[in-house]
């Protein structure tokens, strides 16, 4: 029998006597609260949008849309990667359309033909003589956005926020990401995926933030690694899950053949060999690694009752035939797991409308869910109210609660 290694990351202990309640049901369908989440959480926190390998050459770009805002990440002629608002400074049209692409040395707005250099500066406009006394091109470049690269992954945020730099925030992950060779990953030929669910985004997170359900709801994952699945709770709200496999051959076709073909990577430290590892980033992102592949996924809210699940997948740069076969089998397992989680999210979200739902009562194995809810409550203390405030009064109440909290600090 395999003896699974100890891990260098140490989990914060689960406190005794912790409050096992979760968020109240009203927080899953309030429009005003959703608007507050947009302002205080999503636009002010780091979002992963891709990997440097997605845009290897000058002129390569990725787009990223979130709650009415839209970004473009592009590699310049100087090799630098920059992020801008995907918003022409003339009338606000998109300067790029689609998920990703390549331009020949300039971005051209498809509406009226304004031309931008790859560093975001305005190169020229059509019919410049029609702009009266002239147009100061230096004042009309694309609006820049904060962008950071960590282990090859591209992170941006639309507004300044409470999180520190990505390098500082994700420092505990750095040794693992280096060991996985994250900077050397390559995108799949079709790397992006998406699915839209008629649920609140928090219902998706509630499912993904705990492993209590793995044994019953995910037969393939239970078959693969459910006997030694660990959740680690790190400072700063970080959350790591390790699933060690290889102690059994597996019963299902996908798991049995995956265990057989999964590469034995001598370059990995002991705690990452035979491991499916998931690294969480508040509020809505997970970066996952297996010995033969990597991916990130996140839930992007569309409205109080709709969420876009999306992500991108990557392979090893030196992938051989056996590794490619293992990656195919891992994707089969992941596909089934995703479908199972989506159904759980639907059922969980449905309960928030029931008059008979009496709230969460959480297991120690669901402490990660409580931690996530606590982070939300710190940013939006109105979520601590058990009864729903009036929609028209919620914003003012939340502001008062934040001021009172600041006064106590």
Protein backbone atom coordinates (compact mmCIF):
# COMPACT_ATOMS: atom_id res chain seq x y z
CA UNK A 1 0.00 0.00 0.00
CA UNK A 2 1.28 3.47 -0.89
CA UNK A 3 2.31 5.69 2.02
CA UNK A 4 1.44 9.19 0.90
CA UNK A 5 4.00 11.87 1.75
CA UNK A 6 3.65 14.72 4.17
CA UNK A 7 3.09 18.16 2.62
CA UNK A 8 5.27 21.23 3.22
CA UNK A 9 2.18 23.47 3.38
CA UNK A 10 0.61 23.54 6.83
CA UNK A 11 -3.10 24.07 7.29
CA UNK A 12 -4.58 26.47 9.79
CA UNK A 13 -6.39 24.34 12.38
CA UNK A 14 -10.17 24.13 12.31
CA UNK A 15 -11.31 25.96 15.45
CA UNK A 16 -13.41 24.25 18.06
CA UNK A 17 -16.91 25.54 18.56
CA UNK A 18 -16.97 27.36 15.22
CA UNK A 19 -20.21 28.76 13.86
CA UNK A 20 -21.53 26.09 11.49
CA UNK A 21 -24.04 28.35 9.79
CA UNK A 22 -23.53 29.66 6.27
CA UNK A 23 -24.88 32.67 4.45
CA UNK A 24 -28.62 33.29 4.68
CA UNK A 25 -30.71 32.20 1.71
CA UNK A 26 -31.67 35.74 0.67
CA UNK A 27 -28.05 36.51 -0.30
CA UNK A 28 -28.39 34.11 -3.25
CA UNK A 29 -31.12 36.02 -5.09
CA UNK A 30 -30.93 39.70 -4.14
CA UNK A 31 -30.32 42.06 -7.06
CA UNK A 32 -28.99 44.86 -4.85
CA UNK A 33 -26.56 42.52 -3.11
CA UNK A 34 -25.43 41.27 -6.52
CA UNK A 35 -24.70 44.88 -7.51
CA UNK A 36 -22.68 45.32 -4.30
CA UNK A 37 -20.76 42.11 -5.03
CA UNK A 38 -19.88 43.49 -8.44
CA UNK A 39 -18.45 46.67 -6.94
CA UNK A 40 -16.80 45.39 -3.76
CA UNK A 41 -15.68 41.92 -4.82
CA UNK A 42 -15.39 41.11 -8.49
CA UNK A 43 -14.08 44.32 -10.01
CA UNK A 44 -11.63 44.89 -7.14
CA UNK A 45 -10.11 41.39 -6.87
CA UNK A 46 -7.59 39.60 -9.07
CA UNK A 47 -8.94 37.46 -11.89
CA UNK A 48 -6.91 34.99 -13.93
CA UNK A 49 -7.43 35.47 -17.64
CA UNK A 50 -4.90 33.19 -19.31
CA UNK A 51 -1.26 32.14 -19.52
CA UNK A 52 1.74 33.68 -21.24
CA UNK A 53 1.76 30.70 -23.63
CA UNK A 54 -1.65 31.83 -24.92
CA UNK A 55 -0.04 34.96 -26.39
CA UNK A 56 3.51 33.94 -27.40
CA UNK A 57 4.14 36.47 -30.20
CA UNK A 58 3.74 40.24 -30.66
CA UNK A 59 0.17 41.07 -31.61
CA UNK A 60 -1.31 38.00 -29.89
CA UNK A 61 -4.20 38.92 -27.59
CA UNK A 62 -6.75 37.52 -25.14
CA UNK A 63 -10.00 39.14 -24.08
CA UNK A 64 -11.68 38.98 -20.67
CA UNK A 65 -15.20 40.23 -19.87
CA UNK A 66 -16.66 40.60 -16.40
CA UNK A 67 -19.91 42.23 -15.30
CA UNK A 68 -20.08 44.94 -17.93
CA UNK A 69 -16.34 45.59 -18.07
CA UNK A 70 -14.08 44.20 -20.74
CA UNK A 71 -10.32 43.84 -21.07
CA UNK A 72 -7.78 42.90 -23.69
CA UNK A 73 -4.37 41.45 -22.83
CA UNK A 74 -1.83 41.82 -25.62
CA UNK A 75 1.85 41.16 -26.22
CA UNK A 76 3.59 44.25 -27.59
CA UNK A 77 6.28 44.58 -30.23
CA UNK A 78 8.77 44.84 -27.36
CA UNK A 79 7.65 41.48 -25.98
CA UNK A 80 5.93 43.04 -22.96
CA UNK A 81 2.47 41.83 -21.97
CA UNK A 82 -0.01 44.58 -21.11
CA UNK A 83 -3.70 44.82 -20.24
CA UNK A 84 -6.10 47.54 -21.41
CA UNK A 85 -9.78 48.23 -21.38
CA UNK A 86 -11.23 46.72 -24.55
CA UNK A 87 -12.83 50.07 -25.22
CA UNK A 88 -12.10 52.44 -28.08
CA UNK A 89 -11.58 55.98 -26.78
CA UNK A 90 -13.81 57.36 -29.53
CA UNK A 91 -17.23 55.76 -29.01
CA UNK A 92 -16.42 52.83 -26.72
CA UNK A 93 -16.58 50.00 -29.26
CA UNK A 94 -14.55 46.85 -28.70
CA UNK A 95 -11.15 47.11 -30.33
CA UNK A 96 -10.99 43.29 -30.44
CA UNK A 97 -13.89 40.86 -30.68
CA UNK A 98 -13.74 37.22 -29.65
CA UNK A 99 -11.87 35.21 -27.04
CA UNK A 100 -8.40 35.52 -28.55
CA UNK A 101 -6.63 36.38 -31.77
CA UNK A 102 -3.69 38.04 -33.46
CA UNK A 103 -3.30 41.45 -35.06
CA UNK A 104 -0.67 42.68 -37.51
CA UNK A 105 1.16 45.33 -35.58
CA UNK A 106 -1.85 47.45 -34.56
CA UNK A 107 -5.34 47.31 -33.09
CA UNK A 108 -7.96 48.82 -35.38
CA UNK A 109 -11.37 49.71 -34.01
CA UNK A 110 -13.94 48.12 -36.35
CA UNK A 111 -16.43 50.98 -35.83
CA UNK A 112 -14.60 54.06 -37.19
CA UNK A 113 -11.07 52.84 -37.77
CA UNK A 114 -9.14 54.40 -34.88
CA UNK A 115 -5.72 52.71 -34.81
CA UNK A 116 -3.79 51.82 -31.64
CA UNK A 117 -0.23 50.62 -31.31
CA UNK A 118 0.38 47.39 -29.42
CA UNK A 119 1.49 49.41 -26.38
CA UNK A 120 -1.96 51.04 -26.28
CA UNK A 121 -0.97 54.45 -27.64
CA UNK A 122 -3.18 56.02 -30.29
CA UNK A 123 -1.48 55.90 -33.68
CA UNK A 124 -4.08 57.67 -35.73
CA UNK A 125 -7.75 58.38 -36.44
CA UNK A 126 -9.79 58.39 -39.59
CA UNK A 127 -10.69 61.84 -40.96
CA UNK A 128 -8.61 63.75 -38.38
CA UNK A 129 -9.63 67.08 -39.97
CA UNK A 130 -13.18 66.57 -38.67
CA UNK A 131 -12.13 66.95 -35.02
CA UNK A 132 -12.13 70.73 -34.89
CA UNK A 133 -8.88 72.17 -33.53
CA UNK A 134 -7.24 68.77 -33.61
CA UNK A 135 -6.94 65.73 -31.43
CA UNK A 136 -4.18 65.25 -28.84
CA UNK A 137 -3.31 61.61 -29.54
CA UNK A 138 -1.35 61.33 -26.31
CA UNK A 139 -4.58 61.85 -24.36
CA UNK A 140 -6.57 59.14 -26.14
CA UNK A 141 -4.61 55.92 -25.71
CA UNK A 142 -6.32 52.77 -24.50
CA UNK A 143 -6.93 52.83 -20.76
CA UNK A 144 -4.41 50.56 -18.98
CA UNK A 145 -5.39 47.97 -16.39
CA UNK A 146 -3.42 46.38 -13.57
CA UNK A 147 -1.77 43.20 -14.83
CA UNK A 148 0.55 40.79 -13.03
CA UNK A 149 2.15 37.56 -14.17
CA UNK A 150 2.61 34.80 -11.61
CA UNK A 151 4.13 31.45 -12.62
CA UNK A 152 3.13 32.23 -16.20
CA UNK A 153 -0.53 32.94 -15.40
CA UNK A 154 -2.00 36.33 -16.30
CA UNK A 155 -3.91 38.16 -13.57
CA UNK A 156 -5.78 41.43 -13.94
CA UNK A 157 -8.23 43.55 -11.98
CA UNK A 158 -10.44 46.37 -13.15
CA UNK A 159 -10.15 48.54 -10.03
CA UNK A 160 -7.70 48.79 -7.11
CA UNK A 161 -8.79 46.57 -4.25
CA UNK A 162 -7.95 45.06 -0.88
CA UNK A 163 -5.77 42.22 -2.13
CA UNK A 164 -1.98 42.73 -2.21
CA UNK A 165 0.10 42.08 -5.30
CA UNK A 166 -0.34 38.65 -6.82
CA UNK A 167 3.28 37.79 -6.00
CA UNK A 168 2.68 38.46 -2.31
CA UNK A 169 -0.82 37.01 -2.24
CA UNK A 170 0.13 33.70 -3.85
CA UNK A 171 3.61 33.39 -2.32
CA UNK A 172 2.64 30.18 -0.45
CA UNK A 173 1.86 28.58 -3.82
CA UNK A 174 5.16 29.57 -5.45
CA UNK A 175 7.22 26.45 -4.56
CA UNK A 176 4.50 24.10 -5.82
CA UNK A 177 3.91 26.11 -9.01
CA UNK A 178 7.66 26.14 -9.72
CA UNK A 179 7.84 22.39 -9.19
CA UNK A 180 4.89 21.81 -11.51
CA UNK A 181 6.73 23.84 -14.21
CA UNK A 182 3.82 26.25 -14.51
CA UNK A 183 5.72 28.79 -16.61
CA UNK A 184 6.50 26.16 -19.25
CA UNK A 185 2.92 25.04 -19.87
CA UNK A 186 1.46 25.06 -23.37
CA UNK A 187 -2.21 25.58 -24.33
CA UNK A 188 -4.25 22.82 -25.91
CA UNK A 189 -5.36 23.28 -29.50
CA UNK A 190 -8.84 24.04 -28.13
CA UNK A 191 -8.05 25.20 -24.63
CA UNK A 192 -11.07 27.29 -23.60
CA UNK A 193 -14.37 25.90 -22.38
CA UNK A 194 -17.54 27.33 -20.88
CA UNK A 195 -20.97 26.37 -19.57
CA UNK A 196 -23.77 28.60 -18.31
CA UNK A 197 -25.88 27.63 -15.30
CA UNK A 198 -29.10 29.19 -14.01
CA UNK A 199 -27.68 29.57 -10.49
CA UNK A 200 -26.10 32.21 -8.28
CA UNK A 201 -22.31 32.14 -8.42
CA UNK A 202 -22.06 31.44 -4.68
CA UNK A 203 -23.88 28.13 -5.13
CA UNK A 204 -21.08 27.03 -7.48
CA UNK A 205 -18.45 28.08 -4.93
CA UNK A 206 -20.32 26.35 -2.12
CA UNK A 207 -19.97 23.05 -3.95
CA UNK A 208 -16.35 23.56 -4.93
CA UNK A 209 -15.13 24.77 -1.53
CA UNK A 210 -15.50 21.47 0.29
CA UNK A 211 -14.59 17.82 -0.20
CA UNK A 212 -17.27 16.31 2.03
CA UNK A 213 -19.37 15.46 -1.02
CA UNK A 214 -16.63 13.66 -2.97
CA UNK A 215 -17.29 10.19 -1.52
CA UNK A 216 -20.92 10.05 -2.68
CA UNK A 217 -21.27 12.60 -5.47
CA UNK A 218 -18.03 11.94 -7.41
CA UNK A 219 -17.58 8.18 -7.88
CA UNK A 220 -14.64 8.61 -10.25
CA UNK A 221 -12.76 10.95 -7.90
CA UNK A 222 -13.53 8.69 -4.95
CA UNK A 223 -12.19 5.77 -6.96
CA UNK A 224 -9.07 7.78 -7.87
CA UNK A 225 -8.12 9.62 -4.68
CA UNK A 226 -11.04 9.88 -2.27
CA UNK A 227 -9.27 7.79 0.38
CA UNK A 228 -6.66 10.49 0.91
CA UNK A 229 -8.16 13.83 -0.06
CA UNK A 230 -6.93 16.77 2.01
CA UNK A 231 -8.13 20.36 2.32
CA UNK A 232 -5.52 22.82 3.58
CA UNK A 233 -6.57 26.24 4.88
CA UNK A 234 -3.80 28.82 4.52
CA UNK A 235 -3.49 32.41 5.77
CA UNK A 236 -4.88 35.12 3.51
CA UNK A 237 -7.91 33.05 2.59
CA UNK A 238 -5.94 30.65 0.37
CA UNK A 239 -7.22 27.10 0.09
CA UNK A 240 -5.36 24.06 -1.28
CA UNK A 241 -6.78 20.60 -1.91
CA UNK A 242 -4.54 17.60 -2.54
CA UNK A 243 -5.87 14.29 -3.86
CA UNK A 244 -3.26 11.51 -3.70
CA UNK A 245 -3.79 8.46 -5.88
CA UNK A 246 -1.99 5.26 -6.84
CA UNK A 247 -2.67 3.09 -3.81
CA UNK A 248 -5.29 1.16 -5.77
CA UNK A 249 -5.58 0.28 -9.47
CA UNK A 250 -9.06 1.77 -9.86
CA UNK A 251 -12.34 0.11 -10.77
CA UNK A 252 -13.85 2.32 -13.51
CA UNK A 253 -12.37 2.20 -17.00
CA UNK A 254 -11.12 5.81 -16.96
CA UNK A 255 -9.58 5.63 -13.49
CA UNK A 256 -8.01 2.20 -13.99
CA UNK A 257 -6.33 3.27 -17.23
CA UNK A 258 -5.39 6.69 -15.87
CA UNK A 259 -3.57 5.16 -12.90
CA UNK A 260 -1.78 2.82 -15.33
CA UNK A 261 -0.69 5.55 -17.79
CA UNK A 262 -0.17 8.52 -15.46
CA UNK A 263 3.47 9.60 -15.82
CA UNK A 264 5.91 8.91 -13.01
CA UNK A 265 7.57 12.32 -12.80
CA UNK A 266 10.85 12.06 -10.95
CA UNK A 267 11.26 15.84 -11.27
CA UNK A 268 8.38 16.46 -8.86
CA UNK A 269 8.89 16.58 -5.09
CA UNK A 270 7.36 13.63 -3.20
CA UNK A 271 4.21 15.48 -2.15
CA UNK A 272 3.30 16.34 -5.77
CA UNK A 273 3.90 12.94 -7.32
CA UNK A 274 0.66 11.01 -7.89
CA UNK A 275 -1.30 14.09 -6.84
CA UNK A 276 -4.19 16.10 -8.23
CA UNK A 277 -3.73 19.53 -6.67
CA UNK A 278 -6.19 22.44 -6.58
CA UNK A 279 -5.13 25.97 -5.54
CA UNK A 280 -7.93 28.39 -4.69
CA UNK A 281 -7.95 32.17 -5.05
CA UNK A 282 -10.74 34.26 -3.56
CA UNK A 283 -13.35 35.00 -4.73
CA UNK A 284 -13.94 32.59 -7.63
CA UNK A 285 -10.81 31.00 -9.12
CA UNK A 286 -9.06 27.62 -8.94
CA UNK A 287 -5.79 26.66 -10.63
CA UNK A 288 -5.38 22.88 -10.83
CA UNK A 289 -2.43 20.64 -11.68
CA UNK A 290 -2.06 16.95 -12.36
CA UNK A 291 1.20 15.22 -13.33
CA UNK A 292 0.32 15.54 -17.04
CA UNK A 293 -1.71 18.75 -17.34
CA UNK A 294 -3.00 21.95 -15.77
CA UNK A 295 -6.02 24.19 -15.98
CA UNK A 296 -7.73 27.11 -14.34
CA UNK A 297 -11.44 27.55 -13.92
CA UNK A 298 -13.68 30.18 -12.40
CA UNK A 299 -17.33 31.10 -12.05
CA UNK A 300 -18.12 34.47 -13.63
CA UNK A 301 -21.43 35.92 -12.40
CA UNK A 302 -23.82 37.18 -15.06
CA UNK A 303 -26.82 38.07 -12.88
CA UNK A 304 -28.16 36.98 -9.48
CA UNK A 305 -29.49 33.83 -11.13
CA UNK A 306 -26.97 33.09 -13.89
CA UNK A 307 -23.30 32.11 -13.80
CA UNK A 308 -20.79 31.39 -16.55
CA UNK A 309 -18.43 28.53 -15.71
CA UNK A 310 -15.30 28.85 -17.81
CA UNK A 311 -11.59 28.09 -17.90
CA UNK A 312 -8.57 27.11 -19.97
CA UNK A 313 -6.54 23.90 -20.18
CA UNK A 314 -2.81 23.35 -20.66
CA UNK A 315 -0.37 20.53 -21.33
CA UNK A 316 3.29 19.82 -20.67
CA UNK A 317 5.65 21.29 -23.27
CA UNK A 318 7.44 17.95 -23.77
CA UNK A 319 4.35 15.76 -23.85
CA UNK A 320 4.95 12.21 -25.06
CA UNK A 321 2.40 9.63 -26.19
CA UNK A 322 1.88 8.11 -22.73
CA UNK A 323 1.42 11.54 -21.14
CA UNK A 324 -1.06 12.51 -23.85
CA UNK A 325 -3.05 9.35 -23.16
CA UNK A 326 -3.07 10.14 -19.43
CA UNK A 327 -4.25 13.66 -20.16
CA UNK A 328 -7.14 12.31 -22.24
CA UNK A 329 -8.16 9.99 -19.41
CA UNK A 330 -7.89 12.79 -16.84
CA UNK A 331 -10.17 14.92 -19.00
CA UNK A 332 -12.75 12.10 -19.06
CA UNK A 333 -12.72 12.00 -15.26
CA UNK A 334 -12.89 15.81 -15.07
CA UNK A 335 -15.78 15.93 -17.54
CA UNK A 336 -17.88 13.62 -15.38
CA UNK A 337 -16.90 15.51 -12.22
CA UNK A 338 -17.88 18.86 -13.74
CA UNK A 339 -21.29 17.55 -14.78
CA UNK A 340 -21.85 16.19 -11.27
CA UNK A 341 -20.84 19.49 -9.67
CA UNK A 342 -23.12 21.43 -11.97
CA UNK A 343 -26.09 19.33 -10.89
CA UNK A 344 -25.15 19.80 -7.22
CA UNK A 345 -24.96 23.56 -7.79
CA UNK A 346 -28.46 23.56 -9.29
CA UNK A 347 -29.91 21.61 -6.38
CA UNK A 348 -28.11 23.78 -3.83
CA UNK A 349 -29.30 26.99 -5.46
CA UNK A 350 -32.89 25.74 -5.68
CA UNK A 351 -33.02 25.32 -1.91
CA UNK A 352 -32.36 29.03 -1.39
CA UNK A 353 -35.87 29.78 -2.68
CA UNK A 354 -37.62 27.30 -0.40
CA UNK A 355 -39.61 28.59 2.55
CA UNK A 356 -38.59 25.44 4.42
CA UNK A 357 -34.84 25.91 4.06
CA UNK A 358 -33.54 26.55 7.57
CA UNK A 359 -29.94 27.36 6.73
CA UNK A 360 -26.63 25.50 6.58
CA UNK A 361 -25.30 23.25 9.33
CA UNK A 362 -21.75 22.49 8.27
CA UNK A 363 -19.38 19.60 8.93
CA UNK A 364 -15.72 20.09 9.82
CA UNK A 365 -15.11 18.81 6.28
CA UNK A 366 -16.97 21.90 5.01
CA UNK A 367 -14.95 24.46 6.92
CA UNK A 368 -13.64 25.84 3.63
CA UNK A 369 -17.16 26.88 2.73
CA UNK A 370 -17.48 28.78 6.01
CA UNK A 371 -14.14 30.52 5.44
CA UNK A 372 -15.33 31.67 2.03
CA UNK A 373 -18.56 33.02 3.50
CA UNK A 374 -16.59 34.82 6.22
CA UNK A 375 -14.49 36.59 3.57
CA UNK A 376 -17.66 37.72 1.82
CA UNK A 377 -19.13 38.99 5.08
CA UNK A 378 -16.00 40.99 5.85
CA UNK A 379 -16.32 42.81 2.54
CA UNK A 380 -20.12 43.10 2.62
CA UNK A 381 -21.22 42.95 6.28
CA UNK A 382 -24.88 43.26 5.26
CA UNK A 383 -24.58 39.55 4.42
CA UNK A 384 -24.51 38.87 8.16
CA UNK A 385 -28.17 39.87 8.47
CA UNK A 386 -30.30 36.76 8.79
CA UNK A 387 -33.35 38.49 7.32
CA UNK A 388 -33.21 40.25 3.98
CA UNK A 389 -33.11 44.06 4.28
CA UNK A 390 -35.32 46.00 1.92
CA UNK A 391 -33.67 46.22 -1.49
CA UNK A 392 -33.84 50.00 -1.43
CA UNK A 393 -32.18 50.19 2.00
CA UNK A 394 -29.47 47.57 1.58
CA UNK A 395 -26.72 49.76 0.12
CA UNK A 396 -27.02 52.38 2.87
CA UNK A 397 -27.16 49.71 5.56
CA UNK A 398 -24.03 48.03 4.26
CA UNK A 399 -22.22 51.38 4.23
CA UNK A 400 -23.23 52.00 7.85
CA UNK A 401 -22.03 48.55 8.87
CA UNK A 402 -18.68 49.10 7.15
CA UNK A 403 -18.26 52.45 8.94
CA UNK A 404 -19.11 50.85 12.27
CA UNK A 405 -16.64 48.07 11.60
CA UNK A 406 -13.91 50.59 10.74
CA UNK A 407 -14.65 52.50 13.94
CA UNK A 408 -14.12 49.34 16.01
CA UNK A 409 -10.85 48.48 14.28
